[in-house]
Amino acid sequence: MPRSVNAVASRARRKKMMKFAKGYFGRRKNVWTVAKNAVEKGWQYAYRDRKKKKRDFRALWIARINAGVREHDLSYSKFMGMYHKAGLGMNRKVLADLAMNHPEAFKAIVDKVKETAK
């Protein structure tokens, strides 16, 4: 009985992986084992960095808010503590945007927070 290998499916699988490796440099784009490893490693980095992106943006927003509140003689941690006690409902992304692009609106928020903390 002849051996059955289903070469059509195997070839299609390899062809699909090589398509993902398009644009890579050197052997990573045209040698099966190297390309497969490179693509899989790329997927690992992509998965990891989708999570890391969220942490990086949060750190950026915190730095921007901190810079904004330091102009009004507060630290980030004191401001956020008073902010939550004041019951205002904006997230860090919005606060950071206000601190960067609309300093007068951010100053109004800081004044409101200081006033409710007294």
N, C-alpha and C. Protein backbone atom coordinates (compact mmCIF):
# COMPACT_ATOMS: atom_id res chain seq x y z
N MET A 1 0.84 -1.19 0.00
CA MET A 1 0.00 0.00 0.00
C MET A 1 0.88 1.25 0.00
N PRO A 2 0.62 2.20 -0.88
CA PRO A 2 1.45 3.41 -0.94
C PRO A 2 1.23 4.32 0.26
N ARG A 3 2.28 5.07 0.51
CA ARG A 3 2.24 5.99 1.64
C ARG A 3 1.44 7.24 1.28
N SER A 4 0.58 7.68 2.18
CA SER A 4 -0.24 8.88 1.95
C SER A 4 0.30 10.03 2.79
N VAL A 5 0.61 11.15 2.15
CA VAL A 5 1.23 12.25 2.88
C VAL A 5 0.45 13.56 2.84
N ASN A 6 -0.54 13.67 1.97
CA ASN A 6 -1.33 14.90 1.83
C ASN A 6 -0.42 16.11 1.61
N ALA A 7 0.36 16.06 0.56
CA ALA A 7 1.31 17.13 0.24
C ALA A 7 0.61 18.45 -0.05
N VAL A 8 -0.62 18.40 -0.52
CA VAL A 8 -1.35 19.62 -0.85
C VAL A 8 -1.55 20.47 0.42
N ALA A 9 -2.00 19.85 1.48
CA ALA A 9 -2.24 20.58 2.73
C ALA A 9 -0.92 21.06 3.35
N SER A 10 0.11 20.22 3.29
CA SER A 10 1.42 20.60 3.84
C SER A 10 1.97 21.82 3.12
N ARG A 11 1.89 21.78 1.80
CA ARG A 11 2.39 22.88 0.98
C ARG A 11 1.60 24.16 1.26
N ALA A 12 0.30 24.03 1.39
CA ALA A 12 -0.54 25.20 1.66
C ALA A 12 -0.19 25.81 3.01
N ARG A 13 0.09 24.96 3.99
CA ARG A 13 0.44 25.43 5.32
C ARG A 13 1.76 26.20 5.28
N ARG A 14 2.74 25.65 4.58
CA ARG A 14 4.04 26.32 4.46
C ARG A 14 3.92 27.62 3.68
N LYS A 15 3.11 27.59 2.62
CA LYS A 15 2.94 28.77 1.78
C LYS A 15 2.30 29.90 2.59
N LYS A 16 1.35 29.55 3.44
CA LYS A 16 0.69 30.54 4.29
C LYS A 16 1.68 31.19 5.25
N MET A 17 2.55 30.37 5.84
CA MET A 17 3.54 30.90 6.79
C MET A 17 4.56 31.78 6.06
N MET A 18 4.95 31.38 4.85
CA MET A 18 5.91 32.17 4.07
C MET A 18 5.31 33.52 3.67
N LYS A 19 4.00 33.54 3.49
CA LYS A 19 3.32 34.79 3.17
C LYS A 19 3.43 35.76 4.35
N PHE A 20 3.34 35.24 5.57
CA PHE A 20 3.50 36.08 6.75
C PHE A 20 4.92 36.64 6.87
N ALA A 21 5.90 35.91 6.31
CA ALA A 21 7.30 36.32 6.41
C ALA A 21 7.70 37.30 5.31
N LYS A 22 6.76 37.66 4.45
CA LYS A 22 7.06 38.58 3.36
C LYS A 22 7.53 39.92 3.92
N GLY A 23 8.63 40.43 3.38
CA GLY A 23 9.14 41.71 3.84
C GLY A 23 10.28 41.57 4.84
N TYR A 24 10.50 40.35 5.34
CA TYR A 24 11.61 40.13 6.25
C TYR A 24 12.92 40.16 5.46
N PHE A 25 14.03 40.31 6.16
CA PHE A 25 15.34 40.45 5.51
C PHE A 25 16.10 39.13 5.51
N GLY A 26 16.81 38.87 4.43
CA GLY A 26 17.70 37.72 4.35
C GLY A 26 16.95 36.40 4.32
N ARG A 27 17.51 35.39 5.01
CA ARG A 27 16.91 34.06 4.99
C ARG A 27 15.58 34.01 5.70
N ARG A 28 15.28 35.01 6.49
CA ARG A 28 14.01 35.03 7.22
C ARG A 28 12.81 35.08 6.27
N LYS A 29 13.03 35.52 5.04
CA LYS A 29 11.89 35.63 4.12
C LYS A 29 11.73 34.44 3.18
N ASN A 30 12.79 33.60 3.03
CA ASN A 30 12.66 32.56 2.00
C ASN A 30 13.14 31.17 2.41
N VAL A 31 13.63 30.99 3.62
CA VAL A 31 14.01 29.66 4.09
C VAL A 31 12.97 29.23 5.12
N TRP A 32 12.34 28.09 4.88
CA TRP A 32 11.17 27.68 5.65
C TRP A 32 11.40 27.70 7.16
N THR A 33 12.45 27.03 7.65
CA THR A 33 12.61 26.93 9.11
C THR A 33 12.92 28.28 9.73
N VAL A 34 13.75 29.07 9.06
CA VAL A 34 14.11 30.38 9.60
C VAL A 34 12.89 31.31 9.57
N ALA A 35 12.16 31.27 8.47
CA ALA A 35 10.98 32.13 8.33
C ALA A 35 9.92 31.75 9.37
N LYS A 36 9.70 30.48 9.57
CA LYS A 36 8.71 30.01 10.54
C LYS A 36 9.06 30.50 11.94
N ASN A 37 10.33 30.35 12.31
CA ASN A 37 10.77 30.81 13.64
C ASN A 37 10.63 32.32 13.77
N ALA A 38 10.98 33.04 12.73
CA ALA A 38 10.90 34.51 12.77
C ALA A 38 9.46 34.98 12.91
N VAL A 39 8.56 34.36 12.16
CA VAL A 39 7.15 34.75 12.22
C VAL A 39 6.56 34.44 13.59
N GLU A 40 6.85 33.26 14.11
CA GLU A 40 6.32 32.89 15.43
C GLU A 40 6.87 33.80 16.52
N LYS A 41 8.14 34.15 16.42
CA LYS A 41 8.73 35.08 17.40
C LYS A 41 8.08 36.45 17.28
N GLY A 42 7.81 36.87 16.05
CA GLY A 42 7.12 38.14 15.83
C GLY A 42 5.74 38.15 16.47
N TRP A 43 5.04 37.02 16.37
CA TRP A 43 3.71 36.92 16.99
C TRP A 43 3.82 37.00 18.52
N GLN A 44 4.89 36.41 19.07
CA GLN A 44 5.09 36.50 20.53
C GLN A 44 5.30 37.95 20.95
N TYR A 45 6.14 38.66 20.20
CA TYR A 45 6.38 40.08 20.52
C TYR A 45 5.09 40.89 20.39
N ALA A 46 4.32 40.61 19.35
CA ALA A 46 3.08 41.35 19.13
C ALA A 46 2.11 41.13 20.29
N TYR A 47 1.98 39.88 20.73
CA TYR A 47 1.08 39.56 21.84
C TYR A 47 1.54 40.28 23.11
N ARG A 48 2.83 40.18 23.40
CA ARG A 48 3.38 40.80 24.61
C ARG A 48 3.21 42.31 24.58
N ASP A 49 3.48 42.91 23.43
CA ASP A 49 3.49 44.37 23.36
C ASP A 49 2.09 44.97 23.25
N ARG A 50 1.10 44.17 22.89
CA ARG A 50 -0.28 44.67 23.00
C ARG A 50 -0.63 44.91 24.45
N LYS A 51 -0.11 44.10 25.35
CA LYS A 51 -0.32 44.30 26.79
C LYS A 51 0.53 45.47 27.30
N LYS A 52 1.77 45.51 26.82
CA LYS A 52 2.72 46.52 27.29
C LYS A 52 2.30 47.93 26.87
N LYS A 53 1.65 48.02 25.73
CA LYS A 53 1.19 49.31 25.22
C LYS A 53 0.27 49.99 26.22
N LYS A 54 -0.58 49.21 26.86
CA LYS A 54 -1.51 49.77 27.84
C LYS A 54 -0.76 50.33 29.04
N ARG A 55 0.27 49.61 29.49
CA ARG A 55 1.08 50.08 30.62
C ARG A 55 1.84 51.35 30.25
N ASP A 56 2.39 51.36 29.04
CA ASP A 56 3.17 52.52 28.59
C ASP A 56 2.31 53.78 28.51
N PHE A 57 1.10 53.64 27.98
CA PHE A 57 0.24 54.81 27.88
C PHE A 57 -0.18 55.30 29.25
N ARG A 58 -0.48 54.38 30.16
CA ARG A 58 -0.85 54.79 31.52
C ARG A 58 0.30 55.57 32.17
N ALA A 59 1.53 55.09 32.00
CA ALA A 59 2.70 55.78 32.56
C ALA A 59 2.85 57.17 31.95
N LEU A 60 2.60 57.29 30.65
CA LEU A 60 2.68 58.58 29.98
C LEU A 60 1.63 59.54 30.52
N TRP A 61 0.40 59.04 30.69
CA TRP A 61 -0.66 59.90 31.22
C TRP A 61 -0.34 60.37 32.63
N ILE A 62 0.21 59.47 33.45
CA ILE A 62 0.56 59.84 34.82
C ILE A 62 1.64 60.90 34.82
N ALA A 63 2.63 60.77 33.95
CA ALA A 63 3.71 61.76 33.87
C ALA A 63 3.16 63.12 33.45
N ARG A 64 2.23 63.14 32.52
CA ARG A 64 1.65 64.40 32.06
C ARG A 64 0.78 65.06 33.13
N ILE A 65 0.00 64.25 33.82
CA ILE A 65 -0.81 64.80 34.91
C ILE A 65 0.08 65.34 36.01
N ASN A 66 1.12 64.60 36.34
CA ASN A 66 2.07 65.03 37.38
C ASN A 66 2.70 66.37 37.01
N ALA A 67 3.11 66.51 35.76
CA ALA A 67 3.71 67.78 35.31
C ALA A 67 2.69 68.91 35.41
N GLY A 68 1.44 68.60 35.07
CA GLY A 68 0.40 69.62 35.13
C GLY A 68 0.08 70.07 36.54
N VAL A 69 -0.02 69.13 37.48
CA VAL A 69 -0.39 69.51 38.84
C VAL A 69 0.77 70.12 39.61
N ARG A 70 1.99 69.82 39.21
CA ARG A 70 3.16 70.43 39.89
C ARG A 70 3.18 71.94 39.66
N GLU A 71 2.62 72.40 38.55
CA GLU A 71 2.53 73.84 38.32
C GLU A 71 1.58 74.51 39.31
N HIS A 72 0.71 73.70 39.93
CA HIS A 72 -0.26 74.23 40.89
C HIS A 72 0.07 73.77 42.32
N ASP A 73 1.34 73.49 42.57
CA ASP A 73 1.86 73.15 43.90
C ASP A 73 1.23 71.90 44.51
N LEU A 74 1.07 70.87 43.70
CA LEU A 74 0.58 69.58 44.18
C LEU A 74 1.44 68.48 43.58
N SER A 75 1.41 67.32 44.23
CA SER A 75 2.04 66.16 43.62
C SER A 75 0.94 65.30 42.98
N TYR A 76 1.35 64.38 42.15
CA TYR A 76 0.38 63.53 41.46
C TYR A 76 -0.44 62.73 42.47
N SER A 77 0.24 62.14 43.45
CA SER A 77 -0.48 61.25 44.37
C SER A 77 -1.48 62.03 45.23
N LYS A 78 -1.09 63.20 45.70
CA LYS A 78 -2.00 64.02 46.50
C LYS A 78 -3.19 64.47 45.64
N PHE A 79 -2.89 64.88 44.41
CA PHE A 79 -3.96 65.32 43.51
C PHE A 79 -4.96 64.20 43.25
N MET A 80 -4.47 63.01 42.95
CA MET A 80 -5.37 61.90 42.63
C MET A 80 -6.19 61.48 43.85
N GLY A 81 -5.59 61.54 45.03
CA GLY A 81 -6.33 61.23 46.24
C GLY A 81 -7.48 62.21 46.44
N MET A 82 -7.18 63.50 46.30
CA MET A 82 -8.22 64.52 46.46
C MET A 82 -9.23 64.44 45.32
N TYR A 83 -8.76 64.09 44.14
CA TYR A 83 -9.63 63.99 42.96
C TYR A 83 -10.70 62.92 43.16
N HIS A 84 -10.29 61.78 43.68
CA HIS A 84 -11.25 60.70 43.90
C HIS A 84 -12.21 61.03 45.03
N LYS A 85 -11.72 61.74 46.05
CA LYS A 85 -12.61 62.16 47.14
C LYS A 85 -13.62 63.18 46.64
N ALA A 86 -13.21 64.01 45.67
CA ALA A 86 -14.12 65.02 45.11
C ALA A 86 -15.20 64.37 44.25
N GLY A 87 -14.97 63.12 43.83
CA GLY A 87 -15.97 62.39 43.08
C GLY A 87 -16.09 62.78 41.62
N LEU A 88 -15.04 63.37 41.07
CA LEU A 88 -15.06 63.71 39.65
C LEU A 88 -14.80 62.44 38.84
N GLY A 89 -15.39 62.37 37.66
CA GLY A 89 -15.38 61.09 36.94
C GLY A 89 -14.57 61.03 35.67
N MET A 90 -13.46 61.72 35.59
CA MET A 90 -12.65 61.64 34.37
C MET A 90 -11.51 60.66 34.59
N ASN A 91 -11.12 59.98 33.53
CA ASN A 91 -10.01 59.05 33.65
C ASN A 91 -8.68 59.76 33.39
N ARG A 92 -7.60 59.03 33.54
CA ARG A 92 -6.26 59.62 33.40
C ARG A 92 -5.99 60.09 31.98
N LYS A 93 -6.54 59.40 31.00
CA LYS A 93 -6.33 59.79 29.61
C LYS A 93 -6.89 61.19 29.36
N VAL A 94 -8.09 61.45 29.85
CA VAL A 94 -8.73 62.75 29.65
C VAL A 94 -7.99 63.82 30.45
N LEU A 95 -7.63 63.50 31.70
CA LEU A 95 -6.90 64.47 32.52
C LEU A 95 -5.56 64.85 31.88
N ALA A 96 -4.87 63.85 31.34
CA ALA A 96 -3.58 64.12 30.70
C ALA A 96 -3.76 65.01 29.47
N ASP A 97 -4.81 64.76 28.71
CA ASP A 97 -5.09 65.57 27.53
C ASP A 97 -5.39 67.02 27.94
N LEU A 98 -6.17 67.18 28.98
CA LEU A 98 -6.47 68.54 29.46
C LEU A 98 -5.20 69.23 29.96
N ALA A 99 -4.37 68.50 30.68
CA ALA A 99 -3.13 69.09 31.22
C ALA A 99 -2.21 69.55 30.09
N MET A 100 -2.19 68.78 29.00
CA MET A 100 -1.31 69.12 27.88
C MET A 100 -1.89 70.22 26.99
N ASN A 101 -3.15 70.06 26.59
CA ASN A 101 -3.70 70.89 25.53
C ASN A 101 -4.65 71.99 25.97
N HIS A 102 -5.17 71.87 27.19
CA HIS A 102 -6.12 72.87 27.70
C HIS A 102 -5.78 73.21 29.14
N PRO A 103 -4.69 73.95 29.36
CA PRO A 103 -4.24 74.20 30.73
C PRO A 103 -5.25 74.98 31.58
N GLU A 104 -6.05 75.85 30.93
CA GLU A 104 -7.02 76.63 31.71
C GLU A 104 -8.14 75.72 32.24
N ALA A 105 -8.56 74.75 31.46
CA ALA A 105 -9.57 73.78 31.92
C ALA A 105 -9.00 72.89 33.01
N PHE A 106 -7.74 72.51 32.85
CA PHE A 106 -7.09 71.67 33.86
C PHE A 106 -6.94 72.44 35.17
N LYS A 107 -6.63 73.75 35.06
CA LYS A 107 -6.51 74.58 36.27
C LYS A 107 -7.84 74.65 37.00
N ALA A 108 -8.94 74.72 36.25
CA ALA A 108 -10.26 74.75 36.87
C ALA A 108 -10.53 73.45 37.63
N ILE A 109 -10.10 72.33 37.08
CA ILE A 109 -10.28 71.05 37.75
C ILE A 109 -9.44 71.01 39.03
N VAL A 110 -8.20 71.47 38.93
CA VAL A 110 -7.32 71.48 40.11
C VAL A 110 -7.90 72.37 41.19
N ASP A 111 -8.41 73.54 40.82
CA ASP A 111 -9.02 74.45 41.79
C ASP A 111 -10.24 73.80 42.44
N LYS A 112 -11.05 73.13 41.65
CA LYS A 112 -12.24 72.44 42.17
C LYS A 112 -11.85 71.36 43.18
N VAL A 113 -10.79 70.62 42.85
CA VAL A 113 -10.30 69.55 43.72
C VAL A 113 -9.76 70.13 45.02
N LYS A 114 -9.00 71.22 44.92
CA LYS A 114 -8.46 71.86 46.12
C LYS A 114 -9.58 72.39 47.01
N GLU A 115 -10.59 72.95 46.38
CA GLU A 115 -11.71 73.55 47.10
C GLU A 115 -12.52 72.49 47.85
N THR A 116 -12.73 71.36 47.23
CA THR A 116 -13.51 70.29 47.90
C THR A 116 -12.70 69.57 48.96
N ALA A 117 -11.37 69.67 48.89
CA ALA A 117 -10.51 69.01 49.86
C ALA A 117 -10.46 69.79 51.19
N LYS A 118 -10.84 71.05 51.16
CA LYS A 118 -10.76 71.86 52.39
C LYS A 118 -11.82 71.48 53.39
